[in-house]
Amino acid sequence: MTNQLDRLLTIMATLRDPERGCEWDLAQDFSTIAPYTIEEAYEVADAIEREAMDELRQELGDLLLQVVFHARMAEEQNLFSFNDVARAISDKMESRHPHIFGDGSGTMDERRWEELKAKEREAKGEQSAMDGVARALPALLRADKLQKRAARTGFDWPDTNGPAEKLREEMQELAEAAQEEREEEAGDLLFAAVNLVRAYGIAPENALRAANDKFERRFKGMEAKAGEKFRSLSLAEQEQLWQDVKADEKSA
């Protein structure tokens, strides 16, 4: 394993070599590579969801390349190296598992995990419960994380009634908003929806992903039933196709 990792590090160093490297790789920096890093992480998740293990092996390699790429650019600027990255995560994992790598006492649960993470944030000088929630996260996932952070301080609804009423309130405010206010009110509505879903103990990101898949599957079913004439159908006819596809799924 070490030999293959060393090989990958050497390949990246060659690609970034000022004299004999690749023009494209040399032109990149942290900001231009970041979108690829995010994309590769999603492709890993997609392969896992589809249980495509052969693809997962390749996608994990693509994601590892992103780490190597960023580490190489950092090393060129004398910031840190790949070894520093590996050392940092090794230190973190050992410190977050004191019952394994420490005195061997206790067990790990969510509360203890969060306490350990809180101590890390405190050591970094972070004071707010909101500190450390990456802004680059997908908005839905970030909303969920921000709300969970707030909930740990006690700032949360005791049941689903509060967030349900808040969602109805935000729907009304969006309906009544002036043009220049609609984006803000739409954001409030979506944030409230995340809060309600979370109150039911459901991960909003997973729920929306499943809803996307279901809509895509049913829409393709409509297209398959109608054939080439689909686009020329009236809305009522398309709606009937939608109901037919739903009925087919239930009967199956």
Protein backbone atom coordinates (compact mmCIF):
# COMPACT_ATOMS: atom_id res chain seq x y z
CA MET A 1 0.00 0.00 0.00
CA THR A 2 2.79 2.41 0.89
CA ASN A 3 4.49 1.82 -2.46
CA GLN A 4 1.30 2.73 -4.36
CA LEU A 5 0.81 5.84 -2.25
CA ASP A 6 4.41 6.87 -2.85
CA ARG A 7 3.83 6.26 -6.56
CA LEU A 8 0.79 8.54 -6.53
CA LEU A 9 2.68 11.26 -4.68
CA THR A 10 5.50 11.02 -7.23
CA ILE A 11 3.05 11.23 -10.13
CA MET A 12 1.51 14.40 -8.70
CA ALA A 13 4.93 15.94 -8.09
CA THR A 14 5.81 15.22 -11.72
CA LEU A 15 2.57 16.72 -13.01
CA ARG A 16 3.28 19.87 -11.00
CA ASP A 17 6.95 20.08 -12.03
CA PRO A 18 7.56 23.60 -13.44
CA GLU A 19 9.73 22.33 -16.28
CA ARG A 20 8.23 18.99 -17.36
CA GLY A 21 4.79 19.00 -15.75
CA CYS A 22 1.32 19.13 -17.30
CA GLU A 23 0.12 22.57 -18.36
CA TRP A 24 -3.35 22.01 -16.93
CA ASP A 25 -2.16 20.73 -13.57
CA LEU A 26 0.35 23.56 -13.26
CA ALA A 27 -2.37 26.13 -13.92
CA GLN A 28 -4.50 24.97 -10.97
CA ASP A 29 -4.69 26.35 -7.45
CA PHE A 30 -6.71 25.54 -4.32
CA SER A 31 -9.80 27.43 -5.47
CA THR A 32 -9.92 25.88 -8.94
CA ILE A 33 -9.48 22.34 -7.60
CA ALA A 34 -12.01 22.70 -4.75
CA PRO A 35 -15.09 22.13 -6.99
CA TYR A 36 -13.57 18.87 -8.26
CA THR A 37 -12.94 17.78 -4.67
CA ILE A 38 -16.60 18.30 -3.81
CA GLU A 39 -17.73 16.56 -7.00
CA GLU A 40 -15.55 13.51 -6.30
CA ALA A 41 -16.93 13.21 -2.76
CA TYR A 42 -20.45 13.12 -4.17
CA GLU A 43 -19.47 10.51 -6.74
CA VAL A 44 -18.14 8.33 -3.90
CA ALA A 45 -21.48 8.68 -2.11
CA ASP A 46 -23.36 7.90 -5.31
CA ALA A 47 -21.39 4.70 -5.91
CA ILE A 48 -22.08 3.58 -2.34
CA GLU A 49 -25.79 4.30 -2.68
CA ARG A 50 -25.93 2.26 -5.88
CA GLU A 51 -23.81 -0.49 -4.29
CA ALA A 52 -21.46 -0.25 -7.27
CA MET A 53 -18.33 -1.54 -5.56
CA ASP A 54 -16.15 -1.58 -8.68
CA GLU A 55 -17.02 2.06 -9.27
CA LEU A 56 -16.46 2.83 -5.59
CA ARG A 57 -12.85 1.62 -5.83
CA GLN A 58 -12.24 4.02 -8.71
CA GLU A 59 -14.14 6.92 -7.13
CA LEU A 60 -12.19 6.55 -3.88
CA GLY A 61 -9.02 6.80 -5.95
CA ASP A 62 -10.31 9.97 -7.59
CA LEU A 63 -11.06 11.42 -4.16
CA LEU A 64 -7.61 10.44 -2.86
CA LEU A 65 -6.09 12.24 -5.83
CA GLN A 66 -7.82 15.42 -4.69
CA VAL A 67 -6.14 15.16 -1.27
CA VAL A 68 -2.78 14.52 -2.90
CA PHE A 69 -3.30 17.47 -5.29
CA HIS A 70 -4.10 19.93 -2.49
CA ALA A 71 -1.24 18.64 -0.34
CA ARG A 72 1.21 19.01 -3.22
CA MET A 73 0.20 22.62 -3.87
CA ALA A 74 0.55 23.35 -0.15
CA GLU A 75 4.00 21.77 -0.06
CA GLU A 76 5.10 23.94 -2.99
CA GLN A 77 4.18 26.98 -0.89
CA ASN A 78 5.95 25.59 2.19
CA LEU A 79 2.65 25.38 4.06
CA PHE A 80 2.43 21.66 4.82
CA SER A 81 2.98 18.27 3.18
CA PHE A 82 0.96 15.12 2.63
CA ASN A 83 2.68 13.60 5.66
CA ASP A 84 1.48 16.54 7.74
CA VAL A 85 -2.08 15.89 6.53
CA ALA A 86 -1.83 12.21 7.43
CA ARG A 87 -0.27 13.02 10.80
CA ALA A 88 -2.99 15.54 11.63
CA ILE A 89 -5.86 13.13 10.96
CA SER A 90 -4.06 10.32 12.81
CA ASP A 91 -3.61 12.57 15.85
CA LYS A 92 -7.25 13.61 15.66
CA MET A 93 -8.58 10.06 15.43
CA GLU A 94 -6.49 8.96 18.41
CA SER A 95 -7.60 11.93 20.49
CA ARG A 96 -11.27 11.35 19.57
CA HIS A 97 -11.06 7.70 20.66
CA PRO A 98 -9.49 7.86 24.14
CA HIS A 99 -11.31 4.65 25.10
CA ILE A 100 -9.31 2.86 22.40
CA PHE A 101 -5.99 4.71 22.26
CA GLY A 102 -6.04 6.24 25.75
CA ASP A 103 -6.76 4.72 29.13
CA GLY A 104 -9.27 2.27 27.67
CA SER A 105 -12.16 3.40 29.85
CA GLY A 106 -15.74 4.09 28.84
CA THR A 107 -17.49 3.75 25.52
CA MET A 108 -18.15 6.09 22.62
CA ASP A 109 -21.56 7.65 22.11
CA GLU A 110 -22.83 10.78 20.38
CA ARG A 111 -22.62 12.89 23.53
CA ARG A 112 -19.00 11.97 24.24
CA TRP A 113 -18.09 12.46 20.58
CA GLU A 114 -19.55 15.95 20.58
CA GLU A 115 -17.79 16.80 23.84
CA LEU A 116 -14.45 15.83 22.30
CA LYS A 117 -15.18 17.88 19.18
CA ALA A 118 -16.22 20.84 21.34
CA LYS A 119 -12.86 20.70 23.15
CA GLU A 120 -11.09 20.73 19.78
CA ARG A 121 -13.06 23.79 18.69
CA GLU A 122 -12.29 25.51 21.98
CA ALA A 123 -8.58 24.78 21.50
CA LYS A 124 -8.82 26.49 18.10
CA GLY A 125 -10.31 29.58 19.72
CA GLU A 126 -13.81 28.93 18.41
CA GLN A 127 -16.39 30.21 20.89
CA SER A 128 -19.78 30.10 19.18
CA ALA A 129 -21.74 26.89 18.80
CA MET A 130 -22.02 27.88 15.14
CA ASP A 131 -18.24 27.95 14.58
CA GLY A 132 -16.76 25.27 12.36
CA VAL A 133 -19.81 24.52 10.20
CA ALA A 134 -18.30 24.77 6.72
CA ARG A 135 -19.90 27.37 4.45
CA ALA A 136 -19.09 25.22 1.41
CA LEU A 137 -21.52 22.49 2.52
CA PRO A 138 -24.67 22.09 0.42
CA ALA A 139 -27.20 24.55 1.81
CA LEU A 140 -29.63 21.84 2.93
CA LEU A 141 -26.95 19.90 4.78
CA ARG A 142 -25.55 23.08 6.35
CA ALA A 143 -29.00 24.13 7.57
CA ASP A 144 -29.37 20.75 9.26
CA LYS A 145 -25.96 21.04 10.94
CA LEU A 146 -26.57 24.61 12.12
CA GLN A 147 -29.91 23.61 13.64
CA LYS A 148 -28.35 20.60 15.38
CA ARG A 149 -25.63 22.82 16.83
CA ALA A 150 -28.29 25.20 18.14
CA ALA A 151 -30.29 22.31 19.56
CA ARG A 152 -27.32 21.17 21.66
CA THR A 153 -27.46 24.51 23.48
CA GLY A 154 -31.17 24.00 24.21
CA PHE A 155 -32.39 26.31 21.44
CA ASP A 156 -34.87 23.93 19.81
CA TRP A 157 -38.57 23.13 19.67
CA PRO A 158 -39.67 20.47 22.20
CA ASP A 159 -41.84 18.66 19.61
CA THR A 160 -43.04 18.88 16.00
CA ASN A 161 -45.84 21.38 16.73
CA GLY A 162 -43.53 24.40 16.90
CA PRO A 163 -41.67 23.83 13.62
CA ALA A 164 -44.92 22.85 11.87
CA GLU A 165 -46.53 26.16 12.86
CA LYS A 166 -43.36 28.02 11.86
CA LEU A 167 -43.47 26.39 8.44
CA ARG A 168 -47.08 27.51 7.93
CA GLU A 169 -46.07 31.02 9.00
CA GLU A 170 -43.21 31.13 6.51
CA MET A 171 -45.46 29.90 3.70
CA GLN A 172 -47.84 32.77 4.39
CA GLU A 173 -45.00 35.31 4.53
CA LEU A 174 -43.66 34.13 1.17
CA ALA A 175 -47.13 34.40 -0.37
CA GLU A 176 -47.45 37.98 0.87
CA ALA A 177 -43.86 39.10 0.18
CA ALA A 178 -42.97 41.86 -2.24
CA GLN A 179 -40.80 40.93 -5.22
CA GLU A 180 -37.58 42.12 -3.56
CA GLU A 181 -38.37 40.14 -0.40
CA ARG A 182 -39.20 36.79 -1.98
CA GLU A 183 -35.72 35.29 -2.03
CA GLU A 184 -35.23 35.94 1.66
CA GLU A 185 -38.67 34.61 2.52
CA ALA A 186 -38.09 31.55 0.33
CA GLY A 187 -34.89 30.88 2.27
CA ASP A 188 -36.77 31.17 5.56
CA LEU A 189 -39.38 28.72 4.24
CA LEU A 190 -36.77 26.14 3.26
CA PHE A 191 -34.94 26.56 6.57
CA ALA A 192 -38.21 26.01 8.43
CA ALA A 193 -38.89 22.89 6.37
CA VAL A 194 -35.51 21.48 7.38
CA ASN A 195 -36.37 22.19 11.01
CA LEU A 196 -39.66 20.30 10.77
CA VAL A 197 -38.14 17.31 9.01
CA ARG A 198 -35.35 17.20 11.60
CA ALA A 199 -37.93 17.29 14.39
CA TYR A 200 -39.30 14.01 13.03
CA GLY A 201 -35.84 12.47 13.33
CA ILE A 202 -35.29 12.38 9.57
CA ALA A 203 -32.09 13.48 7.83
CA PRO A 204 -33.26 16.21 5.40
CA GLU A 205 -30.46 15.53 2.88
CA ASN A 206 -31.38 11.83 2.67
CA ALA A 207 -35.09 12.59 2.43
CA LEU A 208 -34.67 15.09 -0.41
CA ARG A 209 -32.28 12.79 -2.27
CA ALA A 210 -34.88 10.02 -2.11
CA ALA A 211 -37.59 12.43 -3.29
CA ASN A 212 -35.39 13.49 -6.23
CA ASP A 213 -34.86 9.87 -7.22
CA LYS A 214 -38.57 9.14 -6.98
CA PHE A 215 -39.52 12.14 -9.10
CA GLU A 216 -36.92 11.25 -11.74
CA ARG A 217 -38.08 7.63 -11.84
CA ARG A 218 -41.75 8.55 -12.18
CA PHE A 219 -41.09 11.25 -14.78
CA LYS A 220 -39.14 8.79 -16.91
CA GLY A 221 -42.07 6.39 -16.50
CA MET A 222 -44.42 9.07 -17.86
CA GLU A 223 -42.15 9.63 -20.85
CA ALA A 224 -41.98 5.90 -21.52
CA LYS A 225 -45.77 5.55 -21.48
CA ALA A 226 -46.38 8.52 -23.77
CA GLY A 227 -43.47 8.10 -26.15
CA GLU A 228 -42.64 10.92 -28.57
CA LYS A 229 -45.99 12.65 -28.03
CA PHE A 230 -45.26 13.40 -24.34
CA ARG A 231 -44.30 17.06 -24.85
CA SER A 232 -47.48 17.76 -26.83
CA LEU A 233 -49.81 16.43 -24.12
CA SER A 234 -51.89 18.83 -22.05
CA LEU A 235 -51.10 19.28 -18.37
CA ALA A 236 -54.21 17.28 -17.48
CA GLU A 237 -53.05 14.41 -19.69
CA GLN A 238 -49.57 14.53 -18.20
CA GLU A 239 -51.07 14.50 -14.72
CA GLN A 240 -53.06 11.40 -15.61
CA LEU A 241 -49.85 9.73 -16.75
CA TRP A 242 -48.27 10.67 -13.42
CA GLN A 243 -51.13 9.01 -11.55
CA ASP A 244 -50.85 5.93 -13.79
CA VAL A 245 -47.13 5.59 -13.02
CA LYS A 246 -47.81 5.94 -9.29
CA ALA A 247 -50.48 3.24 -9.53
CA ASP A 248 -48.08 0.97 -11.41
CA GLU A 249 -45.48 1.38 -8.63
CA LYS A 250 -48.00 0.54 -5.94
CA SER A 251 -49.24 -2.54 -7.75
CA ALA A 252 -45.67 -3.70 -8.30
